[in-house]
Amino acid sequence: MAMTPVFLNIDERHVASALHEAGEKLDGSQGETVLDFSSVHRIDSIALRALEEFAGLADQKGAKVVLRGVDADVYKVLKLVKLTRRLSFAS
């Protein structure tokens, strides 16, 4: 049976709460969750922690997380905290 990816738009002002809400709905049977980060130009420590927790939850449930439209500066931060290894990226 084909798995349908889940697409979620993430607003820069509500990254942590959006990830927390998405984590509650995360189901490994979905296969892939695509988070649209195109409107996120800065990421704070709370959002980083939420993304780390979301990636861990996805790992536990066997779901793949894809970040779409990630700003170069945000990507650099994710790389510094070693989150890029746990996520996939799309333009």
PDB file of N, CA and C in Angstrom:
ATOM      1  N   MET A   1       0.840  -1.179   0.000  1.00  0.00           N
ATOM      2  CA  MET A   1       0.000   0.000   0.000  1.00  0.00           C
ATOM      3  C   MET A   1       0.886   1.243   0.000  1.00  0.00           C
ATOM      4  N   ALA A   2       0.588   2.215  -0.846  1.00  0.00           N
ATOM      5  CA  ALA A   2       1.377   3.440  -0.952  1.00  0.00           C
ATOM      6  C   ALA A   2       1.147   4.329   0.264  1.00  0.00           C
ATOM      7  N   MET A   3       2.234   4.941   0.714  1.00  0.00           N
ATOM      8  CA  MET A   3       2.146   5.850   1.850  1.00  0.00           C
ATOM      9  C   MET A   3       2.060   7.277   1.330  1.00  0.00           C
ATOM     10  N   THR A   4       1.186   8.058   1.918  1.00  0.00           N
ATOM     11  CA  THR A   4       1.007   9.443   1.534  1.00  0.00           C
ATOM     12  C   THR A   4       1.801  10.327   2.477  1.00  0.00           C
ATOM     13  N   PRO A   5       2.710  11.153   1.939  1.00  0.00           N
ATOM     14  CA  PRO A   5       3.453  12.034   2.819  1.00  0.00           C
ATOM     15  C   PRO A   5       2.548  13.106   3.430  1.00  0.00           C
ATOM     16  N   VAL A   6       2.916  13.548   4.605  1.00  0.00           N
ATOM     17  CA  VAL A   6       2.177  14.603   5.293  1.00  0.00           C
ATOM     18  C   VAL A   6       2.960  15.898   5.139  1.00  0.00           C
ATOM     19  N   PHE A   7       2.295  16.972   4.700  1.00  0.00           N
ATOM     20  CA  PHE A   7       2.940  18.267   4.512  1.00  0.00           C
ATOM     21  C   PHE A   7       2.449  19.235   5.586  1.00  0.00           C
ATOM     22  N   LEU A   8       3.391  19.900   6.239  1.00  0.00           N
ATOM     23  CA  LEU A   8       3.046  20.879   7.268  1.00  0.00           C
ATOM     24  C   LEU A   8       3.816  22.173   7.025  1.00  0.00           C
ATOM     25  N   ASN A   9       3.105  23.287   7.017  1.00  0.00           N
ATOM     26  CA  ASN A   9       3.754  24.595   6.916  1.00  0.00           C
ATOM     27  C   ASN A   9       4.141  25.047   8.309  1.00  0.00           C
ATOM     28  N   ILE A  10       5.374  25.500   8.455  1.00  0.00           N
ATOM     29  CA  ILE A  10       5.872  25.952   9.752  1.00  0.00           C
ATOM     30  C   ILE A  10       6.064  27.460   9.704  1.00  0.00           C
ATOM     31  N   ASP A  11       5.431  28.167  10.625  1.00  0.00           N
ATOM     32  CA  ASP A  11       5.545  29.619  10.734  1.00  0.00           C
ATOM     33  C   ASP A  11       6.691  29.952  11.678  1.00  0.00           C
ATOM     34  N   GLU A  12       7.506  30.922  11.305  1.00  0.00           N
ATOM     35  CA  GLU A  12       8.694  31.283  12.088  1.00  0.00           C
ATOM     36  C   GLU A  12       8.363  31.626  13.544  1.00  0.00           C
ATOM     37  N   ARG A  13       7.250  32.250  13.780  1.00  0.00           N
ATOM     38  CA  ARG A  13       6.899  32.661  15.143  1.00  0.00           C
ATOM     39  C   ARG A  13       6.382  31.514  15.998  1.00  0.00           C
ATOM     40  N   HIS A  14       6.022  30.391  15.359  1.00  0.00           N
ATOM     41  CA  HIS A  14       5.411  29.290  16.105  1.00  0.00           C
ATOM     42  C   HIS A  14       6.062  27.944  15.801  1.00  0.00           C
ATOM     43  N   VAL A  15       7.372  27.931  15.582  1.00  0.00           N
ATOM     44  CA  VAL A  15       8.064  26.697  15.205  1.00  0.00           C
ATOM     45  C   VAL A  15       7.876  25.625  16.275  1.00  0.00           C
ATOM     46  N   ALA A  16       8.178  25.966  17.527  1.00  0.00           N
ATOM     47  CA  ALA A  16       8.129  24.973  18.608  1.00  0.00           C
ATOM     48  C   ALA A  16       6.720  24.414  18.798  1.00  0.00           C
ATOM     49  N   SER A  17       5.725  25.274  18.821  1.00  0.00           N
ATOM     50  CA  SER A  17       4.359  24.782  19.037  1.00  0.00           C
ATOM     51  C   SER A  17       3.869  23.963  17.840  1.00  0.00           C
ATOM     52  N   ALA A  18       4.248  24.354  16.619  1.00  0.00           N
ATOM     53  CA  ALA A  18       3.848  23.592  15.437  1.00  0.00           C
ATOM     54  C   ALA A  18       4.488  22.207  15.448  1.00  0.00           C
ATOM     55  N   LEU A  19       5.762  22.125  15.857  1.00  0.00           N
ATOM     56  CA  LEU A  19       6.440  20.833  15.919  1.00  0.00           C
ATOM     57  C   LEU A  19       5.862  19.959  17.025  1.00  0.00           C
ATOM     58  N   HIS A  20       5.519  20.563  18.137  1.00  0.00           N
ATOM     59  CA  HIS A  20       4.909  19.803  19.230  1.00  0.00           C
ATOM     60  C   HIS A  20       3.569  19.219  18.780  1.00  0.00           C
ATOM     61  N   GLU A  21       2.768  20.030  18.121  1.00  0.00           N
ATOM     62  CA  GLU A  21       1.461  19.577  17.625  1.00  0.00           C
ATOM     63  C   GLU A  21       1.641  18.481  16.568  1.00  0.00           C
ATOM     64  N   ALA A  22       2.606  18.666  15.680  1.00  0.00           N
ATOM     65  CA  ALA A  22       2.871  17.660  14.648  1.00  0.00           C
ATOM     66  C   ALA A  22       3.355  16.357  15.271  1.00  0.00           C
ATOM     67  N   GLY A  23       4.138  16.461  16.333  1.00  0.00           N
ATOM     68  CA  GLY A  23       4.637  15.273  17.018  1.00  0.00           C
ATOM     69  C   GLY A  23       3.525  14.446  17.623  1.00  0.00           C
ATOM     70  N   GLU A  24       2.490  15.107  18.110  1.00  0.00           N
ATOM     71  CA  GLU A  24       1.352  14.399  18.686  1.00  0.00           C
ATOM     72  C   GLU A  24       0.591  13.609  17.624  1.00  0.00           C
ATOM     73  N   LYS A  25       0.643  14.081  16.382  1.00  0.00           N
ATOM     74  CA  LYS A  25      -0.089  13.436  15.290  1.00  0.00           C
ATOM     75  C   LYS A  25       0.791  12.494  14.475  1.00  0.00           C
ATOM     76  N   LEU A  26       2.080  12.456  14.787  1.00  0.00           N
ATOM     77  CA  LEU A  26       3.022  11.659  13.997  1.00  0.00           C
ATOM     78  C   LEU A  26       2.713  10.182  14.096  1.00  0.00           C
ATOM     79  N   ASP A  27       2.658   9.550  12.943  1.00  0.00           N
ATOM     80  CA  ASP A  27       2.365   8.127  12.859  1.00  0.00           C
ATOM     81  C   ASP A  27       3.330   7.527  11.850  1.00  0.00           C
ATOM     82  N   GLY A  28       4.050   6.519  12.235  1.00  0.00           N
ATOM     83  CA  GLY A  28       5.042   5.907  11.364  1.00  0.00           C
ATOM     84  C   GLY A  28       4.467   5.362  10.077  1.00  0.00           C
ATOM     85  N   SER A  29       3.175   5.065  10.055  1.00  0.00           N
ATOM     86  CA  SER A  29       2.567   4.515   8.843  1.00  0.00           C
ATOM     87  C   SER A  29       2.469   5.564   7.733  1.00  0.00           C
ATOM     88  N   GLN A  30       2.645   6.845   8.080  1.00  0.00           N
ATOM     89  CA  GLN A  30       2.595   7.907   7.079  1.00  0.00           C
ATOM     90  C   GLN A  30       3.830   7.866   6.193  1.00  0.00           C
ATOM     91  N   GLY A  31       4.915   7.301   6.697  1.00  0.00           N
ATOM     92  CA  GLY A  31       6.132   7.186   5.923  1.00  0.00           C
ATOM     93  C   GLY A  31       6.986   8.427   5.958  1.00  0.00           C
ATOM     94  N   GLU A  32       6.469   9.540   5.506  1.00  0.00           N
ATOM     95  CA  GLU A  32       7.270  10.747   5.380  1.00  0.00           C
ATOM     96  C   GLU A  32       6.472  11.966   5.824  1.00  0.00           C
ATOM     97  N   THR A  33       7.114  12.812   6.613  1.00  0.00           N
ATOM     98  CA  THR A  33       6.520  14.078   7.012  1.00  0.00           C
ATOM     99  C   THR A  33       7.385  15.189   6.461  1.00  0.00           C
ATOM    100  N   VAL A  34       6.791  16.060   5.652  1.00  0.00           N
ATOM    101  CA  VAL A  34       7.511  17.168   5.038  1.00  0.00           C
ATOM    102  C   VAL A  34       7.141  18.443   5.781  1.00  0.00           C
ATOM    103  N   LEU A  35       8.145  19.100   6.329  1.00  0.00           N
ATOM    104  CA  LEU A  35       7.939  20.352   7.047  1.00  0.00           C
ATOM    105  C   LEU A  35       8.427  21.496   6.168  1.00  0.00           C
ATOM    106  N   ASP A  36       7.539  22.397   5.805  1.00  0.00           N
ATOM    107  CA  ASP A  36       7.891  23.529   4.955  1.00  0.00           C
ATOM    108  C   ASP A  36       8.461  24.643   5.832  1.00  0.00           C
ATOM    109  N   PHE A  37       9.766  24.824   5.757  1.00  0.00           N
ATOM    110  CA  PHE A  37      10.468  25.816   6.556  1.00  0.00           C
ATOM    111  C   PHE A  37      10.764  27.087   5.761  1.00  0.00           C
ATOM    112  N   SER A  38      10.108  27.282   4.615  1.00  0.00           N
ATOM    113  CA  SER A  38      10.430  28.423   3.759  1.00  0.00           C
ATOM    114  C   SER A  38      10.149  29.775   4.415  1.00  0.00           C
ATOM    115  N   SER A  39       9.289  29.816   5.407  1.00  0.00           N
ATOM    116  CA  SER A  39       9.024  31.090   6.089  1.00  0.00           C
ATOM    117  C   SER A  39       9.846  31.246   7.371  1.00  0.00           C
ATOM    118  N   VAL A  40      10.732  30.291   7.644  1.00  0.00           N
ATOM    119  CA  VAL A  40      11.573  30.349   8.853  1.00  0.00           C
ATOM    120  C   VAL A  40      12.954  30.864   8.457  1.00  0.00           C
ATOM    121  N   HIS A  41      13.299  32.061   8.956  1.00  0.00           N
ATOM    122  CA  HIS A  41      14.589  32.671   8.633  1.00  0.00           C
ATOM    123  C   HIS A  41      15.530  32.706   9.824  1.00  0.00           C
ATOM    124  N   ARG A  42      14.995  32.455  11.002  1.00  0.00           N
ATOM    125  CA  ARG A  42      15.786  32.380  12.237  1.00  0.00           C
ATOM    126  C   ARG A  42      15.201  31.267  13.081  1.00  0.00           C
ATOM    127  N   ILE A  43      16.067  30.635  13.865  1.00  0.00           N
ATOM    128  CA  ILE A  43      15.580  29.560  14.734  1.00  0.00           C
ATOM    129  C   ILE A  43      16.210  29.740  16.109  1.00  0.00           C
ATOM    130  N   ASP A  44      15.386  29.734  17.142  1.00  0.00           N
ATOM    131  CA  ASP A  44      15.901  29.930  18.498  1.00  0.00           C
ATOM    132  C   ASP A  44      16.114  28.587  19.197  1.00  0.00           C
ATOM    133  N   SER A  45      16.622  28.636  20.411  1.00  0.00           N
ATOM    134  CA  SER A  45      16.959  27.412  21.138  1.00  0.00           C
ATOM    135  C   SER A  45      15.721  26.572  21.461  1.00  0.00           C
ATOM    136  N   ILE A  46      14.602  27.208  21.702  1.00  0.00           N
ATOM    137  CA  ILE A  46      13.370  26.471  21.995  1.00  0.00           C
ATOM    138  C   ILE A  46      12.922  25.700  20.763  1.00  0.00           C
ATOM    139  N   ALA A  47      12.987  26.346  19.603  1.00  0.00           N
ATOM    140  CA  ALA A  47      12.614  25.684  18.356  1.00  0.00           C
ATOM    141  C   ALA A  47      13.596  24.558  18.018  1.00  0.00           C
ATOM    142  N   LEU A  48      14.878  24.778  18.291  1.00  0.00           N
ATOM    143  CA  LEU A  48      15.873  23.728  18.058  1.00  0.00           C
ATOM    144  C   LEU A  48      15.580  22.501  18.907  1.00  0.00           C
ATOM    145  N   ARG A  49      15.263  22.726  20.157  1.00  0.00           N
ATOM    146  CA  ARG A  49      14.944  21.616  21.058  1.00  0.00           C
ATOM    147  C   ARG A  49      13.689  20.879  20.574  1.00  0.00           C
ATOM    148  N   ALA A  50      12.691  21.634  20.136  1.00  0.00           N
ATOM    149  CA  ALA A  50      11.460  21.020  19.630  1.00  0.00           C
ATOM    150  C   ALA A  50      11.743  20.197  18.374  1.00  0.00           C
ATOM    151  N   LEU A  51      12.617  20.701  17.504  1.00  0.00           N
ATOM    152  CA  LEU A  51      12.960  19.961  16.288  1.00  0.00           C
ATOM    153  C   LEU A  51      13.743  18.697  16.629  1.00  0.00           C
ATOM    154  N   GLU A  52      14.621  18.792  17.610  1.00  0.00           N
ATOM    155  CA  GLU A  52      15.372  17.619  18.058  1.00  0.00           C
ATOM    156  C   GLU A  52      14.426  16.553  18.619  1.00  0.00           C
ATOM    157  N   GLU A  53      13.463  16.969  19.426  1.00  0.00           N
ATOM    158  CA  GLU A  53      12.481  16.040  19.991  1.00  0.00           C
ATOM    159  C   GLU A  53      11.602  15.438  18.894  1.00  0.00           C
ATOM    160  N   PHE A  54      11.217  16.257  17.920  1.00  0.00           N
ATOM    161  CA  PHE A  54      10.402  15.774  16.813  1.00  0.00           C
ATOM    162  C   PHE A  54      11.165  14.729  15.997  1.00  0.00           C
ATOM    163  N   ALA A  55      12.439  14.989  15.736  1.00  0.00           N
ATOM    164  CA  ALA A  55      13.272  14.032  14.992  1.00  0.00           C
ATOM    165  C   ALA A  55      13.409  12.726  15.767  1.00  0.00           C
ATOM    166  N   GLY A  56      13.561  12.816  17.080  1.00  0.00           N
ATOM    167  CA  GLY A  56      13.647  11.610  17.909  1.00  0.00           C
ATOM    168  C   GLY A  56      12.362  10.813  17.884  1.00  0.00           C
ATOM    169  N   LEU A  57      11.245  11.495  17.961  1.00  0.00           N
ATOM    170  CA  LEU A  57       9.939  10.833  17.903  1.00  0.00           C
ATOM    171  C   LEU A  57       9.731  10.165  16.545  1.00  0.00           C
ATOM    172  N   ALA A  58      10.140  10.851  15.483  1.00  0.00           N
ATOM    173  CA  ALA A  58      10.028  10.278  14.142  1.00  0.00           C
ATOM    174  C   ALA A  58      10.898   9.031  14.020  1.00  0.00           C
ATOM    175  N   ASP A  59      12.103   9.081  14.591  1.00  0.00           N
ATOM    176  CA  ASP A  59      12.981   7.903  14.590  1.00  0.00           C
ATOM    177  C   ASP A  59      12.304   6.725  15.284  1.00  0.00           C
ATOM    178  N   GLN A  60      11.700   6.987  16.433  1.00  0.00           N
ATOM    179  CA  GLN A  60      11.029   5.936  17.197  1.00  0.00           C
ATOM    180  C   GLN A  60       9.876   5.314  16.413  1.00  0.00           C
ATOM    181  N   LYS A  61       9.171   6.140  15.650  1.00  0.00           N
ATOM    182  CA  LYS A  61       7.991   5.664  14.926  1.00  0.00           C
ATOM    183  C   LYS A  61       8.309   5.235  13.500  1.00  0.00           C
ATOM    184  N   GLY A  62       9.583   5.320  13.127  1.00  0.00           N
ATOM    185  CA  GLY A  62       9.982   4.888  11.790  1.00  0.00           C
ATOM    186  C   GLY A  62       9.539   5.814  10.675  1.00  0.00           C
ATOM    187  N   ALA A  63       9.337   7.081  10.980  1.00  0.00           N
ATOM    188  CA  ALA A  63       8.918   8.063   9.981  1.00  0.00           C
ATOM    189  C   ALA A  63      10.128   8.867   9.514  1.00  0.00           C
ATOM    190  N   LYS A  64      10.102   9.283   8.271  1.00  0.00           N
ATOM    191  CA  LYS A  64      11.168  10.103   7.706  1.00  0.00           C
ATOM    192  C   LYS A  64      10.733  11.563   7.781  1.00  0.00           C
ATOM    193  N   VAL A  65      11.651  12.447   8.184  1.00  0.00           N
ATOM    194  CA  VAL A  65      11.355  13.876   8.269  1.00  0.00           C
ATOM    195  C   VAL A  65      12.149  14.605   7.189  1.00  0.00           C
ATOM    196  N   VAL A  66      11.428  15.379   6.373  1.00  0.00           N
ATOM    197  CA  VAL A  66      12.051  16.159   5.307  1.00  0.00           C
ATOM    198  C   VAL A  66      11.756  17.631   5.572  1.00  0.00           C
ATOM    199  N   LEU A  67      12.796  18.453   5.619  1.00  0.00           N
ATOM    200  CA  LEU A  67      12.621  19.895   5.748  1.00  0.00           C
ATOM    201  C   LEU A  67      12.738  20.496   4.359  1.00  0.00           C
ATOM    202  N   ARG A  68      11.752  21.283   4.000  1.00  0.00           N
ATOM    203  CA  ARG A  68      11.697  21.875   2.663  1.00  0.00           C
ATOM    204  C   ARG A  68      11.894  23.375   2.757  1.00  0.00           C
ATOM    205  N   GLY A  69      12.685  23.937   1.844  1.00  0.00           N
ATOM    206  CA  GLY A  69      12.856  25.389   1.770  1.00  0.00           C
ATOM    207  C   GLY A  69      13.617  25.974   2.942  1.00  0.00           C
ATOM    208  N   VAL A  70      14.605  25.263   3.450  1.00  0.00           N
ATOM    209  CA  VAL A  70      15.356  25.734   4.618  1.00  0.00           C
ATOM    210  C   VAL A  70      16.306  26.863   4.215  1.00  0.00           C
ATOM    211  N   ASP A  71      16.240  27.966   4.940  1.00  0.00           N
ATOM    212  CA  ASP A  71      17.124  29.106   4.767  1.00  0.00           C
ATOM    213  C   ASP A  71      18.567  28.680   5.048  1.00  0.00           C
ATOM    214  N   ALA A  72      19.527  29.249   4.318  1.00  0.00           N
ATOM    215  CA  ALA A  72      20.936  28.881   4.472  1.00  0.00           C
ATOM    216  C   ALA A  72      21.434  29.102   5.899  1.00  0.00           C
ATOM    217  N   ASP A  73      21.024  30.193   6.534  1.00  0.00           N
ATOM    218  CA  ASP A  73      21.456  30.464   7.910  1.00  0.00           C
ATOM    219  C   ASP A  73      20.855  29.467   8.894  1.00  0.00           C
ATOM    220  N   VAL A  74      19.608  29.084   8.677  1.00  0.00           N
ATOM    221  CA  VAL A  74      18.969  28.084   9.530  1.00  0.00           C
ATOM    222  C   VAL A  74      19.673  26.740   9.345  1.00  0.00           C
ATOM    223  N   TYR A  75      20.017  26.412   8.100  1.00  0.00           N
ATOM    224  CA  TYR A  75      20.729  25.155   7.828  1.00  0.00           C
ATOM    225  C   TYR A  75      22.064  25.123   8.566  1.00  0.00           C
ATOM    226  N   LYS A  76      22.774  26.237   8.574  1.00  0.00           N
ATOM    227  CA  LYS A  76      24.067  26.305   9.273  1.00  0.00           C
ATOM    228  C   LYS A  76      23.894  26.021  10.764  1.00  0.00           C
ATOM    229  N   VAL A  77      22.838  26.562  11.353  1.00  0.00           N
ATOM    230  CA  VAL A  77      22.566  26.312  12.771  1.00  0.00           C
ATOM    231  C   VAL A  77      22.257  24.835  12.996  1.00  0.00           C
ATOM    232  N   LEU A  78      21.428  24.262  12.139  1.00  0.00           N
ATOM    233  CA  LEU A  78      21.091  22.835  12.259  1.00  0.00           C
ATOM    234  C   LEU A  78      22.342  21.971  12.112  1.00  0.00           C
ATOM    235  N   LYS A  79      23.241  22.375  11.241  1.00  0.00           N
ATOM    236  CA  LYS A  79      24.491  21.637  11.051  1.00  0.00           C
ATOM    237  C   LYS A  79      25.364  21.739  12.298  1.00  0.00           C
ATOM    238  N   LEU A  80      25.443  22.925  12.889  1.00  0.00           N
ATOM    239  CA  LEU A  80      26.251  23.125  14.101  1.00  0.00           C
ATOM    240  C   LEU A  80      25.783  22.255  15.266  1.00  0.00           C
ATOM    241  N   VAL A  81      24.477  22.073  15.380  1.00  0.00           N
ATOM    242  CA  VAL A  81      23.943  21.264  16.479  1.00  0.00           C
ATOM    243  C   VAL A  81      23.738  19.804  16.072  1.00  0.00           C
ATOM    244  N   LYS A  82      24.259  19.458  14.882  1.00  0.00           N
ATOM    245  CA  LYS A  82      24.275  18.075  14.391  1.00  0.00           C
ATOM    246  C   LYS A  82      22.885  17.483  14.142  1.00  0.00           C
ATOM    247  N   LEU A  83      21.943  18.324  13.759  1.00  0.00           N
ATOM    248  CA  LEU A  83      20.605  17.834  13.418  1.00  0.00           C
ATOM    249  C   LEU A  83      20.493  17.452  11.944  1.00  0.00           C
ATOM    250  N   THR A  84      21.418  17.919  11.113  1.00  0.00           N
ATOM    251  CA  THR A  84      21.319  17.625   9.682  1.00  0.00           C
ATOM    252  C   THR A  84      21.478  16.136   9.396  1.00  0.00           C
ATOM    253  N   ARG A  85      22.133  15.416  10.280  1.00  0.00           N
ATOM    254  CA  ARG A  85      22.308  13.968  10.102  1.00  0.00           C
ATOM    255  C   ARG A  85      20.994  13.212  10.274  1.00  0.00           C
ATOM    256  N   ARG A  86      20.086  13.784  11.032  1.00  0.00           N
ATOM    257  CA  ARG A  86      18.841  13.091  11.367  1.00  0.00           C
ATOM    258  C   ARG A  86      17.670  13.489  10.471  1.00  0.00           C
ATOM    259  N   LEU A  87      17.899  14.449   9.587  1.00  0.00           N
ATOM    260  CA  LEU A  87      16.828  14.983   8.754  1.00  0.00           C
ATOM    261  C   LEU A  87      17.222  14.914   7.291  1.00  0.00           C
ATOM    262  N   SER A  88      16.231  14.966   6.415  1.00  0.00           N
ATOM    263  CA  SER A  88      16.471  15.085   4.985  1.00  0.00           C
ATOM    264  C   SER A  88      16.051  16.487   4.569  1.00  0.00           C
ATOM    265  N   PHE A  89      16.597  16.939   3.443  1.00  0.00           N
ATOM    266  CA  PHE A  89      16.322  18.297   2.990  1.00  0.00           C
ATOM    267  C   PHE A  89      15.912  18.298   1.528  1.00  0.00           C
ATOM    268  N   ALA A  90      14.979  19.182   1.187  1.00  0.00           N
ATOM    269  CA  ALA A  90      14.524  19.362  -0.185  1.00  0.00           C
ATOM    270  C   ALA A  90      14.410  20.861  -0.462  1.00  0.00           C
ATOM    271  N   SER A  91      14.583  21.228  -1.730  1.00  0.00           N
ATOM    272  CA  SER A  91      14.501  22.664  -2.045  1.00  0.00           C
ATOM    273  C   SER A  91      13.089  23.123  -2.264  1.00  0.00           C
TER     274      SER A  91
END
